[in-house]
């Protein structure tokens, strides 16, 4: 058994909260899984462990001395497509996939500079940070989605079905009306959900400095769909209401999108977040989501 130190409390808490017994089993299996893949892929631990909500990440050194990271994943619907997307992108705009184990979802990835997130640049220069995301999305969404990925069409259909019930659980008429207006915008484009390979989660902390490129994306939760569905994270990161309009304009121009379709699918992403909040028991819509929707609806 390899000593990978104490598994971070944040990962343990997230797994127990979201995955219950399955999360507990994932945590218990991590030391053994790490040992197996360190031996199988001839790796040596080379730094402190890192983590997100669904994965433990070990900085490692390969047999040839090159740096990499070993990502031990708790597989779910969102993360299952990560290796498929990374292969399709082939390192263009994103981290490179070096090895993958299909049974466990374990990944060996190119090592980027985890000390330099785009969020640091965003605090100094919001416009440049949004432009970086736009440039990356232009590269990533230029690729057609491989077969078998979850699709935006199915997601949109399920959202629209859920709106009447969710709207009825909201306390304020303002919130109910906005939820329905977002749904109406989605309904106009739902018949053409798109076929591009989307990252879905391209917020600032999922963009790292890379040796071969200034910035590269990590951690996709891929799906097939319209690129307009990928814009919202960069609109709400370090949220400032007065910046919603220019961020949306900059992103649509950088990616080369039809403005009205992008508006509708961005409202679709707002709708998705709001429906999740209602599902979690919220009776009022989040103010950031409300503001984005109001700006894009021209209110």
C-alpha atoms as a PDB file:
ATOM      1  CA  UNK A   1       0.000   0.000   0.000  1.00  0.00           C
ATOM      2  CA  UNK A   2       1.380   3.411  -0.961  1.00  0.00           C
ATOM      3  CA  UNK A   3       1.438   6.196   1.583  1.00  0.00           C
ATOM      4  CA  UNK A   4      -0.385   9.105  -0.015  1.00  0.00           C
ATOM      5  CA  UNK A   5      -0.812  10.870   3.300  1.00  0.00           C
ATOM      6  CA  UNK A   6      -4.147  11.789   4.786  1.00  0.00           C
ATOM      7  CA  UNK A   7      -6.922  11.993   2.225  1.00  0.00           C
ATOM      8  CA  UNK A   8      -8.070  15.658   2.264  1.00  0.00           C
ATOM      9  CA  UNK A   9     -11.061  16.323   4.497  1.00  0.00           C
ATOM     10  CA  UNK A  10     -12.718  18.344   1.755  1.00  0.00           C
ATOM     11  CA  UNK A  11     -12.811  15.338  -0.574  1.00  0.00           C
ATOM     12  CA  UNK A  12     -14.084  13.043   2.167  1.00  0.00           C
ATOM     13  CA  UNK A  13     -16.843  15.468   3.144  1.00  0.00           C
ATOM     14  CA  UNK A  14     -17.913  16.028  -0.472  1.00  0.00           C
ATOM     15  CA  UNK A  15     -18.072  12.327  -1.218  1.00  0.00           C
ATOM     16  CA  UNK A  16     -20.055  11.507   1.895  1.00  0.00           C
ATOM     17  CA  UNK A  17     -22.444  14.403   1.288  1.00  0.00           C
ATOM     18  CA  UNK A  18     -23.128  13.748  -2.387  1.00  0.00           C
ATOM     19  CA  UNK A  19     -22.531  10.008  -2.789  1.00  0.00           C
ATOM     20  CA  UNK A  20     -23.221   8.441   0.596  1.00  0.00           C
ATOM     21  CA  UNK A  21     -22.153   4.797   0.805  1.00  0.00           C
ATOM     22  CA  UNK A  22     -20.672   4.882  -2.705  1.00  0.00           C
ATOM     23  CA  UNK A  23     -18.566   7.870  -1.699  1.00  0.00           C
ATOM     24  CA  UNK A  24     -17.407   6.077   1.430  1.00  0.00           C
ATOM     25  CA  UNK A  25     -16.345   3.086  -0.681  1.00  0.00           C
ATOM     26  CA  UNK A  26     -14.503   5.382  -3.102  1.00  0.00           C
ATOM     27  CA  UNK A  27     -12.547   7.020  -0.260  1.00  0.00           C
ATOM     28  CA  UNK A  28     -11.686   3.664   1.319  1.00  0.00           C
ATOM     29  CA  UNK A  29     -10.360   2.326  -1.995  1.00  0.00           C
ATOM     30  CA  UNK A  30      -8.164   5.332  -2.821  1.00  0.00           C
ATOM     31  CA  UNK A  31      -4.874   4.218  -1.201  1.00  0.00           C
ATOM     32  CA  UNK A  32      -4.995   0.841  -2.916  1.00  0.00           C
ATOM     33  CA  UNK A  33      -5.999   2.314  -6.236  1.00  0.00           C
ATOM     34  CA  UNK A  34      -3.209   4.868  -6.064  1.00  0.00           C
ATOM     35  CA  UNK A  35      -0.658   2.148  -5.313  1.00  0.00           C
ATOM     36  CA  UNK A  36      -1.894   0.063  -8.232  1.00  0.00           C
ATOM     37  CA  UNK A  37      -1.608   2.811 -10.822  1.00  0.00           C
ATOM     38  CA  UNK A  38       1.674   4.168  -9.510  1.00  0.00           C
ATOM     39  CA  UNK A  39       3.131   0.707 -10.107  1.00  0.00           C
ATOM     40  CA  UNK A  40       1.282  -0.021 -13.354  1.00  0.00           C
ATOM     41  CA  UNK A  41       2.283   3.232 -15.033  1.00  0.00           C
ATOM     42  CA  UNK A  42       5.739   3.413 -13.385  1.00  0.00           C
ATOM     43  CA  UNK A  43       5.126   6.621 -11.510  1.00  0.00           C
ATOM     44  CA  UNK A  44       6.657   8.237  -8.445  1.00  0.00           C
ATOM     45  CA  UNK A  45       4.810  10.684  -6.186  1.00  0.00           C
ATOM     46  CA  UNK A  46       6.290  14.160  -6.601  1.00  0.00           C
ATOM     47  CA  UNK A  47       4.309  16.619  -4.499  1.00  0.00           C
ATOM     48  CA  UNK A  48       1.400  17.154  -2.122  1.00  0.00           C
ATOM     49  CA  UNK A  49      -1.987  15.722  -3.016  1.00  0.00           C
ATOM     50  CA  UNK A  50      -4.709  17.912  -4.488  1.00  0.00           C
ATOM     51  CA  UNK A  51      -8.439  17.334  -4.819  1.00  0.00           C
ATOM     52  CA  UNK A  52     -11.764  18.552  -6.121  1.00  0.00           C
ATOM     53  CA  UNK A  53     -15.240  17.269  -5.331  1.00  0.00           C
ATOM     54  CA  UNK A  54     -14.951  14.033  -7.301  1.00  0.00           C
ATOM     55  CA  UNK A  55     -11.229  13.268  -7.571  1.00  0.00           C
ATOM     56  CA  UNK A  56      -7.915  12.955  -5.769  1.00  0.00           C
ATOM     57  CA  UNK A  57      -4.987  14.269  -7.812  1.00  0.00           C
ATOM     58  CA  UNK A  58      -1.390  13.174  -7.215  1.00  0.00           C
ATOM     59  CA  UNK A  59       1.525  15.068  -8.766  1.00  0.00           C
ATOM     60  CA  UNK A  60       3.832  12.381 -10.135  1.00  0.00           C
ATOM     61  CA  UNK A  61       7.014  11.844 -12.098  1.00  0.00           C
ATOM     62  CA  UNK A  62       7.068   9.332 -14.961  1.00  0.00           C
ATOM     63  CA  UNK A  63       9.823   6.812 -15.605  1.00  0.00           C
ATOM     64  CA  UNK A  64      11.469   9.203 -18.069  1.00  0.00           C
ATOM     65  CA  UNK A  65      11.486  11.977 -15.485  1.00  0.00           C
ATOM     66  CA  UNK A  66       8.669  14.021 -17.020  1.00  0.00           C
ATOM     67  CA  UNK A  67       6.004  15.549 -14.793  1.00  0.00           C
ATOM     68  CA  UNK A  68       2.381  14.389 -14.822  1.00  0.00           C
ATOM     69  CA  UNK A  69      -0.620  14.073 -12.525  1.00  0.00           C
ATOM     70  CA  UNK A  70      -2.518  10.944 -11.553  1.00  0.00           C
ATOM     71  CA  UNK A  71      -6.239  11.665 -11.249  1.00  0.00           C
ATOM     72  CA  UNK A  72      -8.264   9.136  -9.247  1.00  0.00           C
ATOM     73  CA  UNK A  73     -11.913   9.766 -10.071  1.00  0.00           C
ATOM     74  CA  UNK A  74     -15.258   8.962  -8.534  1.00  0.00           C
ATOM     75  CA  UNK A  75     -17.124   8.295 -11.765  1.00  0.00           C
ATOM     76  CA  UNK A  76     -20.481   9.934 -12.385  1.00  0.00           C
ATOM     77  CA  UNK A  77     -22.538  11.001 -15.395  1.00  0.00           C
ATOM     78  CA  UNK A  78     -20.626  14.266 -15.746  1.00  0.00           C
ATOM     79  CA  UNK A  79     -17.065  12.959 -15.389  1.00  0.00           C
ATOM     80  CA  UNK A  80     -17.445   9.730 -17.380  1.00  0.00           C
ATOM     81  CA  UNK A  81     -16.905  11.524 -20.692  1.00  0.00           C
ATOM     82  CA  UNK A  82     -13.691  13.310 -19.654  1.00  0.00           C
ATOM     83  CA  UNK A  83     -11.241  10.939 -21.387  1.00  0.00           C
ATOM     84  CA  UNK A  84     -13.384  10.890 -24.533  1.00  0.00           C
ATOM     85  CA  UNK A  85     -13.307  14.688 -24.715  1.00  0.00           C
ATOM     86  CA  UNK A  86      -9.599  14.965 -23.923  1.00  0.00           C
ATOM     87  CA  UNK A  87      -8.757  12.502 -26.697  1.00  0.00           C
ATOM     88  CA  UNK A  88     -10.931  14.395 -29.167  1.00  0.00           C
ATOM     89  CA  UNK A  89      -9.274  17.712 -28.287  1.00  0.00           C
ATOM     90  CA  UNK A  90      -5.789  16.189 -28.387  1.00  0.00           C
ATOM     91  CA  UNK A  91      -4.301  18.905 -26.198  1.00  0.00           C
ATOM     92  CA  UNK A  92      -5.679  21.792 -28.268  1.00  0.00           C
ATOM     93  CA  UNK A  93      -6.854  24.273 -25.667  1.00  0.00           C
ATOM     94  CA  UNK A  94      -6.759  21.706 -22.880  1.00  0.00           C
ATOM     95  CA  UNK A  95      -4.578  19.427 -20.801  1.00  0.00           C
ATOM     96  CA  UNK A  96      -3.241  16.328 -22.585  1.00  0.00           C
ATOM     97  CA  UNK A  97      -4.424  12.835 -21.678  1.00  0.00           C
ATOM     98  CA  UNK A  98      -1.472  10.448 -21.330  1.00  0.00           C
ATOM     99  CA  UNK A  99      -3.124   7.258 -20.037  1.00  0.00           C
ATOM    100  CA  UNK A 100      -6.623   6.129 -19.087  1.00  0.00           C
ATOM    101  CA  UNK A 101      -8.105   3.130 -17.316  1.00  0.00           C
ATOM    102  CA  UNK A 102     -11.653   2.593 -18.515  1.00  0.00           C
ATOM    103  CA  UNK A 103     -12.753   0.377 -15.614  1.00  0.00           C
ATOM    104  CA  UNK A 104     -11.980   2.859 -12.838  1.00  0.00           C
ATOM    105  CA  UNK A 105     -11.858   6.117 -14.815  1.00  0.00           C
ATOM    106  CA  UNK A 106      -8.306   6.773 -13.582  1.00  0.00           C
ATOM    107  CA  UNK A 107      -6.424   9.311 -15.702  1.00  0.00           C
ATOM    108  CA  UNK A 108      -2.767  10.171 -16.186  1.00  0.00           C
ATOM    109  CA  UNK A 109      -2.551  13.764 -17.370  1.00  0.00           C
ATOM    110  CA  UNK A 110       0.008  16.279 -18.468  1.00  0.00           C
ATOM    111  CA  UNK A 111       1.025  18.387 -15.481  1.00  0.00           C
ATOM    112  CA  UNK A 112       0.200  22.068 -15.715  1.00  0.00           C
ATOM    113  CA  UNK A 113       1.073  24.750 -13.177  1.00  0.00           C
ATOM    114  CA  UNK A 114      -1.485  24.255 -10.402  1.00  0.00           C
ATOM    115  CA  UNK A 115      -0.126  27.370  -8.662  1.00  0.00           C
ATOM    116  CA  UNK A 116      -1.351  29.610 -11.481  1.00  0.00           C
ATOM    117  CA  UNK A 117      -5.115  29.636 -11.994  1.00  0.00           C
ATOM    118  CA  UNK A 118      -6.821  32.071 -14.313  1.00  0.00           C
ATOM    119  CA  UNK A 119      -8.686  33.357 -11.250  1.00  0.00           C
ATOM    120  CA  UNK A 120      -5.520  35.208 -10.169  1.00  0.00           C
ATOM    121  CA  UNK A 121      -5.422  37.088 -13.485  1.00  0.00           C
ATOM    122  CA  UNK A 122      -9.161  37.765 -13.229  1.00  0.00           C
ATOM    123  CA  UNK A 123      -8.698  39.682  -9.997  1.00  0.00           C
ATOM    124  CA  UNK A 124      -6.286  42.025 -11.787  1.00  0.00           C
ATOM    125  CA  UNK A 125      -7.813  42.145 -15.253  1.00  0.00           C
ATOM    126  CA  UNK A 126     -11.343  40.789 -15.628  1.00  0.00           C
ATOM    127  CA  UNK A 127     -11.555  41.620 -19.320  1.00  0.00           C
ATOM    128  CA  UNK A 128      -8.395  39.696 -20.169  1.00  0.00           C
ATOM    129  CA  UNK A 129      -9.543  36.685 -18.117  1.00  0.00           C
ATOM    130  CA  UNK A 130     -12.878  36.570 -19.937  1.00  0.00           C
ATOM    131  CA  UNK A 131     -11.020  36.886 -23.242  1.00  0.00           C
ATOM    132  CA  UNK A 132      -8.832  33.897 -22.306  1.00  0.00           C
ATOM    133  CA  UNK A 133     -11.942  31.786 -21.673  1.00  0.00           C
ATOM    134  CA  UNK A 134     -13.375  32.943 -24.992  1.00  0.00           C
ATOM    135  CA  UNK A 135     -10.189  31.963 -26.818  1.00  0.00           C
ATOM    136  CA  UNK A 136     -10.196  28.526 -25.193  1.00  0.00           C
ATOM    137  CA  UNK A 137     -13.891  27.957 -25.922  1.00  0.00           C
ATOM    138  CA  UNK A 138     -13.287  28.867 -29.557  1.00  0.00           C
ATOM    139  CA  UNK A 139     -10.745  26.051 -29.787  1.00  0.00           C
ATOM    140  CA  UNK A 140     -12.687  23.508 -27.766  1.00  0.00           C
ATOM    141  CA  UNK A 141     -16.069  23.995 -29.434  1.00  0.00           C
ATOM    142  CA  UNK A 142     -14.529  23.867 -32.908  1.00  0.00           C
ATOM    143  CA  UNK A 143     -14.441  20.081 -32.414  1.00  0.00           C
ATOM    144  CA  UNK A 144     -17.487  17.938 -33.135  1.00  0.00           C
ATOM    145  CA  UNK A 145     -18.637  15.886 -30.165  1.00  0.00           C
ATOM    146  CA  UNK A 146     -17.726  12.190 -30.360  1.00  0.00           C
ATOM    147  CA  UNK A 147     -20.579   9.707 -30.395  1.00  0.00           C
ATOM    148  CA  UNK A 148     -21.927   8.515 -27.079  1.00  0.00           C
ATOM    149  CA  UNK A 149     -21.606  11.653 -24.988  1.00  0.00           C
ATOM    150  CA  UNK A 150     -24.596  12.993 -23.114  1.00  0.00           C
ATOM    151  CA  UNK A 151     -26.425  15.541 -25.243  1.00  0.00           C
ATOM    152  CA  UNK A 152     -27.860  18.979 -24.682  1.00  0.00           C
ATOM    153  CA  UNK A 153     -31.082  17.996 -26.440  1.00  0.00           C
ATOM    154  CA  UNK A 154     -32.025  15.528 -23.725  1.00  0.00           C
ATOM    155  CA  UNK A 155     -30.991  17.929 -20.985  1.00  0.00           C
ATOM    156  CA  UNK A 156     -33.098  20.722 -22.472  1.00  0.00           C
ATOM    157  CA  UNK A 157     -36.145  18.481 -22.833  1.00  0.00           C
ATOM    158  CA  UNK A 158     -35.943  17.386 -19.204  1.00  0.00           C
ATOM    159  CA  UNK A 159     -35.550  20.977 -18.029  1.00  0.00           C
ATOM    160  CA  UNK A 160     -38.612  22.121 -19.929  1.00  0.00           C
ATOM    161  CA  UNK A 161     -40.639  19.264 -18.485  1.00  0.00           C
ATOM    162  CA  UNK A 162     -39.591  20.247 -14.962  1.00  0.00           C
ATOM    163  CA  UNK A 163     -40.396  23.970 -15.185  1.00  0.00           C
ATOM    164  CA  UNK A 164     -44.124  23.878 -14.250  1.00  0.00           C
ATOM    165  CA  UNK A 165     -43.496  21.879 -11.085  1.00  0.00           C
ATOM    166  CA  UNK A 166     -40.452  23.925 -10.058  1.00  0.00           C
ATOM    167  CA  UNK A 167     -42.144  27.258 -10.739  1.00  0.00           C
ATOM    168  CA  UNK A 168     -44.935  26.214  -8.412  1.00  0.00           C
ATOM    169  CA  UNK A 169     -42.457  25.782  -5.562  1.00  0.00           C
ATOM    170  CA  UNK A 170     -41.117  29.337  -5.805  1.00  0.00           C
ATOM    171  CA  UNK A 171     -42.514  31.924  -3.402  1.00  0.00           C
ATOM    172  CA  UNK A 172     -42.274  35.106  -5.472  1.00  0.00           C
ATOM    173  CA  UNK A 173     -44.136  35.762  -8.704  1.00  0.00           C
ATOM    174  CA  UNK A 174     -41.034  37.562 -10.014  1.00  0.00           C
ATOM    175  CA  UNK A 175     -39.056  34.329  -9.717  1.00  0.00           C
ATOM    176  CA  UNK A 176     -41.800  32.207 -11.263  1.00  0.00           C
ATOM    177  CA  UNK A 177     -42.083  34.580 -14.223  1.00  0.00           C
ATOM    178  CA  UNK A 178     -38.328  34.639 -14.819  1.00  0.00           C
ATOM    179  CA  UNK A 179     -38.107  30.848 -14.705  1.00  0.00           C
ATOM    180  CA  UNK A 180     -40.850  30.608 -17.321  1.00  0.00           C
ATOM    181  CA  UNK A 181     -39.210  33.273 -19.496  1.00  0.00           C
ATOM    182  CA  UNK A 182     -35.914  31.382 -19.465  1.00  0.00           C
ATOM    183  CA  UNK A 183     -37.805  28.243 -20.411  1.00  0.00           C
ATOM    184  CA  UNK A 184     -39.537  30.049 -23.285  1.00  0.00           C
ATOM    185  CA  UNK A 185     -36.150  31.121 -24.649  1.00  0.00           C
ATOM    186  CA  UNK A 186     -34.849  27.552 -24.442  1.00  0.00           C
ATOM    187  CA  UNK A 187     -37.977  26.189 -26.116  1.00  0.00           C
ATOM    188  CA  UNK A 188     -37.224  28.324 -29.179  1.00  0.00           C
ATOM    189  CA  UNK A 189     -33.855  26.613 -29.764  1.00  0.00           C
ATOM    190  CA  UNK A 190     -34.377  23.204 -28.158  1.00  0.00           C
ATOM    191  CA  UNK A 191     -35.045  21.586 -31.525  1.00  0.00           C
ATOM    192  CA  UNK A 192     -31.485  22.400 -32.618  1.00  0.00           C
ATOM    193  CA  UNK A 193     -29.337  21.559 -29.590  1.00  0.00           C
ATOM    194  CA  UNK A 194     -26.041  21.503 -31.524  1.00  0.00           C
ATOM    195  CA  UNK A 195     -23.275  18.967 -31.980  1.00  0.00           C
ATOM    196  CA  UNK A 196     -20.133  20.702 -30.688  1.00  0.00           C
ATOM    197  CA  UNK A 197     -17.939  19.269 -27.948  1.00  0.00           C
ATOM    198  CA  UNK A 198     -18.637  21.392 -24.861  1.00  0.00           C
ATOM    199  CA  UNK A 199     -16.527  21.664 -21.719  1.00  0.00           C
ATOM    200  CA  UNK A 200     -19.563  22.717 -19.631  1.00  0.00           C
ATOM    201  CA  UNK A 201     -17.528  23.817 -16.577  1.00  0.00           C
ATOM    202  CA  UNK A 202     -14.979  26.335 -17.850  1.00  0.00           C
ATOM    203  CA  UNK A 203     -14.730  28.624 -14.841  1.00  0.00           C
ATOM    204  CA  UNK A 204     -11.488  30.398 -13.935  1.00  0.00           C
ATOM    205  CA  UNK A 205     -10.203  27.714 -11.564  1.00  0.00           C
ATOM    206  CA  UNK A 206     -10.478  25.169 -14.383  1.00  0.00           C
ATOM    207  CA  UNK A 207      -7.933  27.102 -16.435  1.00  0.00           C
ATOM    208  CA  UNK A 208      -4.261  26.662 -15.532  1.00  0.00           C
ATOM    209  CA  UNK A 209      -1.024  28.051 -16.873  1.00  0.00           C
ATOM    210  CA  UNK A 210       0.644  25.552 -19.195  1.00  0.00           C
ATOM    211  CA  UNK A 211       4.230  25.217 -20.318  1.00  0.00           C
ATOM    212  CA  UNK A 212       3.385  24.776 -24.002  1.00  0.00           C
ATOM    213  CA  UNK A 213       0.520  27.310 -23.991  1.00  0.00           C
ATOM    214  CA  UNK A 214      -0.147  30.312 -21.747  1.00  0.00           C
ATOM    215  CA  UNK A 215      -3.464  28.844 -20.537  1.00  0.00           C
ATOM    216  CA  UNK A 216      -5.110  25.424 -20.839  1.00  0.00           C
ATOM    217  CA  UNK A 217      -8.445  24.006 -19.684  1.00  0.00           C
ATOM    218  CA  UNK A 218      -8.797  21.135 -17.228  1.00  0.00           C
ATOM    219  CA  UNK A 219     -11.648  19.119 -15.736  1.00  0.00           C
ATOM    220  CA  UNK A 220     -14.257  19.030 -18.518  1.00  0.00           C
ATOM    221  CA  UNK A 221     -17.720  17.672 -17.817  1.00  0.00           C
ATOM    222  CA  UNK A 222     -18.362  17.194 -21.532  1.00  0.00           C
ATOM    223  CA  UNK A 223     -21.541  17.056 -23.522  1.00  0.00           C
ATOM    224  CA  UNK A 224     -22.610  17.507 -27.119  1.00  0.00           C
ATOM    225  CA  UNK A 225     -24.401  20.739 -27.812  1.00  0.00           C
ATOM    226  CA  UNK A 226     -24.495  24.403 -28.723  1.00  0.00           C
ATOM    227  CA  UNK A 227     -21.484  26.506 -27.579  1.00  0.00           C
ATOM    228  CA  UNK A 228     -23.842  29.103 -26.116  1.00  0.00           C
ATOM    229  CA  UNK A 229     -24.430  26.670 -23.250  1.00  0.00           C
ATOM    230  CA  UNK A 230     -20.748  27.058 -22.285  1.00  0.00           C
ATOM    231  CA  UNK A 231     -20.661  30.818 -21.649  1.00  0.00           C
ATOM    232  CA  UNK A 232     -22.229  31.247 -18.218  1.00  0.00           C
ATOM    233  CA  UNK A 233     -19.285  30.258 -15.956  1.00  0.00           C
ATOM    234  CA  UNK A 234     -17.181  33.131 -17.321  1.00  0.00           C
ATOM    235  CA  UNK A 235     -20.118  35.514 -16.929  1.00  0.00           C
ATOM    236  CA  UNK A 236     -20.683  34.745 -13.236  1.00  0.00           C
ATOM    237  CA  UNK A 237     -17.071  34.199 -12.108  1.00  0.00           C
ATOM    238  CA  UNK A 238     -16.119  37.032  -9.732  1.00  0.00           C
ATOM    239  CA  UNK A 239     -19.611  38.280 -10.385  1.00  0.00           C
ATOM    240  CA  UNK A 240     -20.195  41.971 -11.061  1.00  0.00           C
ATOM    241  CA  UNK A 241     -23.687  42.893 -12.322  1.00  0.00           C
ATOM    242  CA  UNK A 242     -22.411  45.764 -14.474  1.00  0.00           C
ATOM    243  CA  UNK A 243     -20.128  43.380 -16.384  1.00  0.00           C
ATOM    244  CA  UNK A 244     -22.735  40.854 -17.549  1.00  0.00           C
ATOM    245  CA  UNK A 245     -23.371  42.590 -20.874  1.00  0.00           C
ATOM    246  CA  UNK A 246     -19.791  43.121 -21.969  1.00  0.00           C
ATOM    247  CA  UNK A 247     -18.749  39.643 -20.834  1.00  0.00           C
ATOM    248  CA  UNK A 248     -21.535  38.083 -22.888  1.00  0.00           C
ATOM    249  CA  UNK A 249     -20.611  40.270 -25.891  1.00  0.00           C
ATOM    250  CA  UNK A 250     -16.910  39.450 -25.636  1.00  0.00           C
ATOM    251  CA  UNK A 251     -17.532  35.701 -25.354  1.00  0.00           C
ATOM    252  CA  UNK A 252     -20.003  35.497 -28.241  1.00  0.00           C
ATOM    253  CA  UNK A 253     -17.615  37.424 -30.467  1.00  0.00           C
ATOM    254  CA  UNK A 254     -14.569  35.338 -29.465  1.00  0.00           C
ATOM    255  CA  UNK A 255     -16.354  32.057 -30.128  1.00  0.00           C
ATOM    256  CA  UNK A 256     -18.095  33.367 -33.261  1.00  0.00           C
ATOM    257  CA  UNK A 257     -21.649  32.681 -32.133  1.00  0.00           C
ATOM    258  CA  UNK A 258     -25.021  33.812 -33.355  1.00  0.00           C
ATOM    259  CA  UNK A 259     -25.999  36.284 -30.681  1.00  0.00           C
ATOM    260  CA  UNK A 260     -29.660  35.285 -30.302  1.00  0.00           C
ATOM    261  CA  UNK A 261     -28.920  31.571 -30.115  1.00  0.00           C
ATOM    262  CA  UNK A 262     -26.147  32.240 -27.591  1.00  0.00           C
ATOM    263  CA  UNK A 263     -28.544  34.346 -25.539  1.00  0.00           C
ATOM    264  CA  UNK A 264     -31.139  31.566 -25.515  1.00  0.00           C
ATOM    265  CA  UNK A 265     -28.672  28.860 -24.513  1.00  0.00           C
ATOM    266  CA  UNK A 266     -27.099  31.051 -21.830  1.00  0.00           C
ATOM    267  CA  UNK A 267     -30.588  31.517 -20.424  1.00  0.00           C
ATOM    268  CA  UNK A 268     -30.823  27.727 -20.626  1.00  0.00           C
ATOM    269  CA  UNK A 269     -27.789  27.454 -18.386  1.00  0.00           C
ATOM    270  CA  UNK A 270     -29.384  29.900 -15.954  1.00  0.00           C
ATOM    271  CA  UNK A 271     -32.503  27.736 -16.067  1.00  0.00           C
ATOM    272  CA  UNK A 272     -30.481  24.629 -15.291  1.00  0.00           C
ATOM    273  CA  UNK A 273     -28.904  26.238 -12.231  1.00  0.00           C
ATOM    274  CA  UNK A 274     -32.235  27.564 -10.988  1.00  0.00           C
ATOM    275  CA  UNK A 275     -33.932  24.195 -11.362  1.00  0.00           C
ATOM    276  CA  UNK A 276     -31.144  22.570  -9.380  1.00  0.00           C
ATOM    277  CA  UNK A 277     -31.582  25.151  -6.623  1.00  0.00           C
ATOM    278  CA  UNK A 278     -35.310  24.449  -6.434  1.00  0.00           C
ATOM    279  CA  UNK A 279     -34.584  20.719  -6.355  1.00  0.00           C
ATOM    280  CA  UNK A 280     -32.294  21.379  -3.375  1.00  0.00           C
ATOM    281  CA  UNK A 281     -35.164  23.062  -1.529  1.00  0.00           C
ATOM    282  CA  UNK A 282     -34.629  26.724  -2.390  1.00  0.00           C
ATOM    283  CA  UNK A 283     -37.825  28.798  -2.589  1.00  0.00           C
ATOM    284  CA  UNK A 284     -36.143  31.902  -4.044  1.00  0.00           C
ATOM    285  CA  UNK A 285     -33.934  32.153  -7.121  1.00  0.00           C
ATOM    286  CA  UNK A 286     -30.275  33.075  -6.735  1.00  0.00           C
ATOM    287  CA  UNK A 287     -29.681  36.803  -7.254  1.00  0.00           C
ATOM    288  CA  UNK A 288     -26.717  36.307  -9.584  1.00  0.00           C
ATOM    289  CA  UNK A 289     -28.752  34.035 -11.842  1.00  0.00           C
ATOM    290  CA  UNK A 290     -31.647  36.478 -11.727  1.00  0.00           C
ATOM    291  CA  UNK A 291     -29.397  39.362 -12.733  1.00  0.00           C
ATOM    292  CA  UNK A 292     -27.892  37.501 -15.692  1.00  0.00           C
ATOM    293  CA  UNK A 293     -31.349  36.506 -16.901  1.00  0.00           C
ATOM    294  CA  UNK A 294     -32.706  40.041 -16.527  1.00  0.00           C
ATOM    295  CA  UNK A 295     -29.814  41.526 -18.505  1.00  0.00           C
ATOM    296  CA  UNK A 296     -30.125  38.977 -21.307  1.00  0.00           C
ATOM    297  CA  UNK A 297     -33.902  39.388 -21.385  1.00  0.00           C
ATOM    298  CA  UNK A 298     -33.455  43.162 -21.705  1.00  0.00           C
ATOM    299  CA  UNK A 299     -34.976  44.141 -18.352  1.00  0.00           C
END
